[in-house]
Amino acid sequence: MVGEFKSEWDKSYKNKDNYIFYPHEEIIRFISKYIRKRVGLDEFIDQCEINESTKVLDFGCGIGRHMRLLYEFGLNARGFDLSSEAITVAKNNFSSLGMDEVSKKLDVANITNLPYESGEFDFMLSHGVIDSMPIEVAQKGFLELYRTLKKGGVYIF
């Protein structure tokens, strides 16, 4: 079942059907309210205690529109997508922008079996992902996301 969806998503990205470059406004609001608010070009007000161990997960990151935003906000983020094609495009885009450190934080992964530690992430975000999968996969995915979210962590999807 997952292989079937993976090939469909890879095909979609090869056709450039899902090339979305701009972050979604609700994700920007989430980051500003719960994590870090931008108050100048390179000025931020932290909305909680932020340090190098604070981690954000962008699940279903596609070609990296929200990963770029998280990088611009100076946040330690990881992203994953089922589509290896999307991750390849994202890595190439980030490398061409001189953002190789972001490229290294992108993974091809299945939401039902994530390569992350339990309780690894303080925050999670996603837009237009959960509603793009069968309910059975979404239910298993939520359990796996919950496993990787720290107690008291915050998410938006």
Protein backbone atom coordinates (compact mmCIF):
# COMPACT_ATOMS: atom_id res chain seq x y z
CA MET A 1 0.00 0.00 0.00
CA VAL A 2 2.72 2.50 0.98
CA GLY A 3 4.73 1.69 -2.16
CA GLU A 4 1.72 2.55 -4.28
CA PHE A 5 1.35 5.95 -2.61
CA LYS A 6 5.09 6.59 -2.75
CA SER A 7 5.17 6.05 -6.51
CA GLU A 8 2.16 8.35 -6.96
CA TRP A 9 3.81 11.11 -4.91
CA ASP A 10 7.13 10.65 -6.73
CA LYS A 11 5.30 10.93 -10.05
CA SER A 12 3.50 14.05 -8.84
CA TYR A 13 6.79 15.73 -7.90
CA LYS A 14 8.47 14.64 -11.15
CA ASN A 15 5.60 16.38 -12.97
CA LYS A 16 6.11 19.45 -10.73
CA ASP A 17 2.48 19.23 -9.61
CA ASN A 18 3.29 19.99 -5.96
CA TYR A 19 5.95 22.64 -6.28
CA ILE A 20 4.88 25.01 -3.54
CA PHE A 21 7.49 27.58 -2.56
CA TYR A 22 5.79 29.93 -0.14
CA PRO A 23 5.04 29.03 3.47
CA HIS A 24 1.41 28.77 4.50
CA GLU A 25 0.16 31.69 6.60
CA GLU A 26 -1.17 29.43 9.36
CA ILE A 27 2.28 27.87 9.76
CA ILE A 28 3.83 31.35 10.04
CA ARG A 29 1.24 32.25 12.71
CA PHE A 30 1.94 29.01 14.60
CA ILE A 31 5.69 29.66 14.66
CA SER A 32 5.15 33.29 15.69
CA LYS A 33 2.74 32.40 18.49
CA TYR A 34 4.42 29.33 19.98
CA ILE A 35 8.09 29.33 18.98
CA ARG A 36 9.72 32.51 17.71
CA LYS A 37 8.22 35.78 16.46
CA ARG A 38 10.02 37.80 13.81
CA VAL A 39 10.20 41.49 14.76
CA GLY A 40 12.83 42.63 12.24
CA LEU A 41 14.80 41.26 9.33
CA ASP A 42 17.12 39.36 11.66
CA GLU A 43 15.42 40.05 14.98
CA PHE A 44 13.23 37.61 16.87
CA ILE A 45 11.42 37.34 20.17
CA ASP A 46 11.35 33.80 21.53
CA GLN A 47 7.88 32.74 22.66
CA CYS A 48 9.33 29.94 24.78
CA GLU A 49 12.76 28.86 25.92
CA ILE A 50 14.75 28.16 22.76
CA ASN A 51 18.19 26.56 22.75
CA GLU A 52 20.24 24.31 20.48
CA SER A 53 18.39 21.23 21.74
CA THR A 54 14.96 22.65 20.77
CA LYS A 55 13.82 20.73 17.69
CA VAL A 56 11.05 21.20 15.16
CA LEU A 57 9.75 18.51 12.77
CA ASP A 58 8.23 19.42 9.42
CA PHE A 59 6.34 16.29 8.47
CA GLY A 60 5.46 15.83 4.83
CA CYS A 61 7.90 18.63 4.00
CA GLY A 62 7.67 18.26 0.22
CA ILE A 63 10.27 20.44 -1.49
CA GLY A 64 10.97 22.33 1.74
CA ARG A 65 8.90 25.50 1.84
CA HIS A 66 8.50 25.38 5.63
CA MET A 67 12.02 24.05 6.20
CA ARG A 68 13.35 27.21 4.60
CA LEU A 69 11.19 29.33 6.89
CA LEU A 70 12.38 27.42 9.96
CA TYR A 71 15.98 27.92 8.83
CA GLU A 72 15.40 31.66 8.35
CA PHE A 73 14.01 31.78 11.90
CA GLY A 74 17.20 30.14 13.18
CA LEU A 75 15.44 27.00 14.39
CA ASN A 76 16.83 23.48 14.56
CA ALA A 77 14.49 21.63 12.20
CA ARG A 78 14.24 18.29 10.46
CA GLY A 79 11.89 17.40 7.65
CA PHE A 80 10.69 14.23 6.02
CA ASP A 81 8.55 13.24 3.10
CA LEU A 82 7.43 9.92 1.65
CA SER A 83 8.53 11.08 -1.81
CA SER A 84 12.22 10.60 -2.56
CA GLU A 85 11.68 12.84 -5.59
CA ALA A 86 10.49 15.71 -3.34
CA ILE A 87 13.44 15.28 -0.98
CA THR A 88 15.89 15.22 -3.91
CA VAL A 89 14.41 18.47 -5.26
CA ALA A 90 14.51 20.05 -1.79
CA LYS A 91 18.15 19.04 -1.23
CA ASN A 92 19.15 20.36 -4.64
CA ASN A 93 17.29 23.64 -4.06
CA PHE A 94 18.88 24.16 -0.64
CA SER A 95 22.34 23.28 -1.95
CA SER A 96 21.98 25.77 -4.81
CA LEU A 97 21.09 28.44 -2.22
CA GLY A 98 24.17 27.62 -0.14
CA MET A 99 21.99 26.06 2.57
CA ASP A 100 23.73 22.67 2.70
CA GLU A 101 23.07 22.35 6.44
CA VAL A 102 19.32 22.23 5.68
CA SER A 103 19.86 19.58 2.98
CA LYS A 104 21.42 17.31 5.60
CA LYS A 105 18.28 17.52 7.75
CA LEU A 106 15.87 16.10 5.17
CA ASP A 107 14.83 12.46 5.17
CA VAL A 108 12.79 10.15 3.00
CA ALA A 109 10.51 8.43 5.51
CA ASN A 110 7.12 6.83 5.98
CA ILE A 111 4.95 8.54 8.60
CA THR A 112 4.12 5.12 10.11
CA ASN A 113 7.79 4.27 10.81
CA LEU A 114 9.88 7.36 11.53
CA PRO A 115 13.68 7.29 11.91
CA TYR A 116 13.61 9.56 14.97
CA GLU A 117 14.00 8.99 18.69
CA SER A 118 11.03 8.91 21.03
CA GLY A 119 10.40 12.38 22.48
CA GLU A 120 12.87 14.01 20.09
CA PHE A 121 10.79 17.01 18.95
CA ASP A 122 9.45 20.00 20.84
CA PHE A 123 7.29 21.19 17.94
CA MET A 124 5.77 19.67 14.81
CA LEU A 125 4.16 21.31 11.85
CA SER A 126 2.59 20.32 8.59
CA HIS A 127 0.21 21.67 6.00
CA GLY A 128 -1.85 19.63 3.52
CA VAL A 129 -0.38 16.26 4.48
CA ILE A 130 -2.71 14.30 6.76
CA ASP A 131 -5.71 14.88 4.50
CA SER A 132 -3.73 13.39 1.59
CA MET A 133 -3.54 9.86 2.97
CA PRO A 134 -5.94 7.04 3.79
CA ILE A 135 -7.43 7.18 7.28
CA GLU A 136 -5.66 3.96 8.33
CA VAL A 137 -2.27 5.42 7.45
CA ALA A 138 -3.13 8.73 9.14
CA GLN A 139 -4.14 6.93 12.35
CA LYS A 140 -0.87 4.95 12.47
CA GLY A 141 1.02 8.10 11.52
CA PHE A 142 -0.47 10.07 14.40
CA LEU A 143 0.70 7.40 16.84
CA GLU A 144 4.21 7.54 15.38
CA LEU A 145 4.28 11.34 15.45
CA TYR A 146 3.06 11.27 19.05
CA ARG A 147 5.91 8.87 19.89
CA THR A 148 8.49 11.36 18.61
CA LEU A 149 6.90 14.44 20.25
CA LYS A 150 8.22 15.47 23.67
CA LYS A 151 5.76 15.51 26.53
CA GLY A 152 4.15 18.95 26.45
CA GLY A 153 5.19 19.44 22.81
CA VAL A 154 3.03 21.51 20.47
CA TYR A 155 1.99 20.78 16.90
CA ILE A 156 -0.11 22.10 14.04
CA PHE A 157 -1.34 20.27 10.97
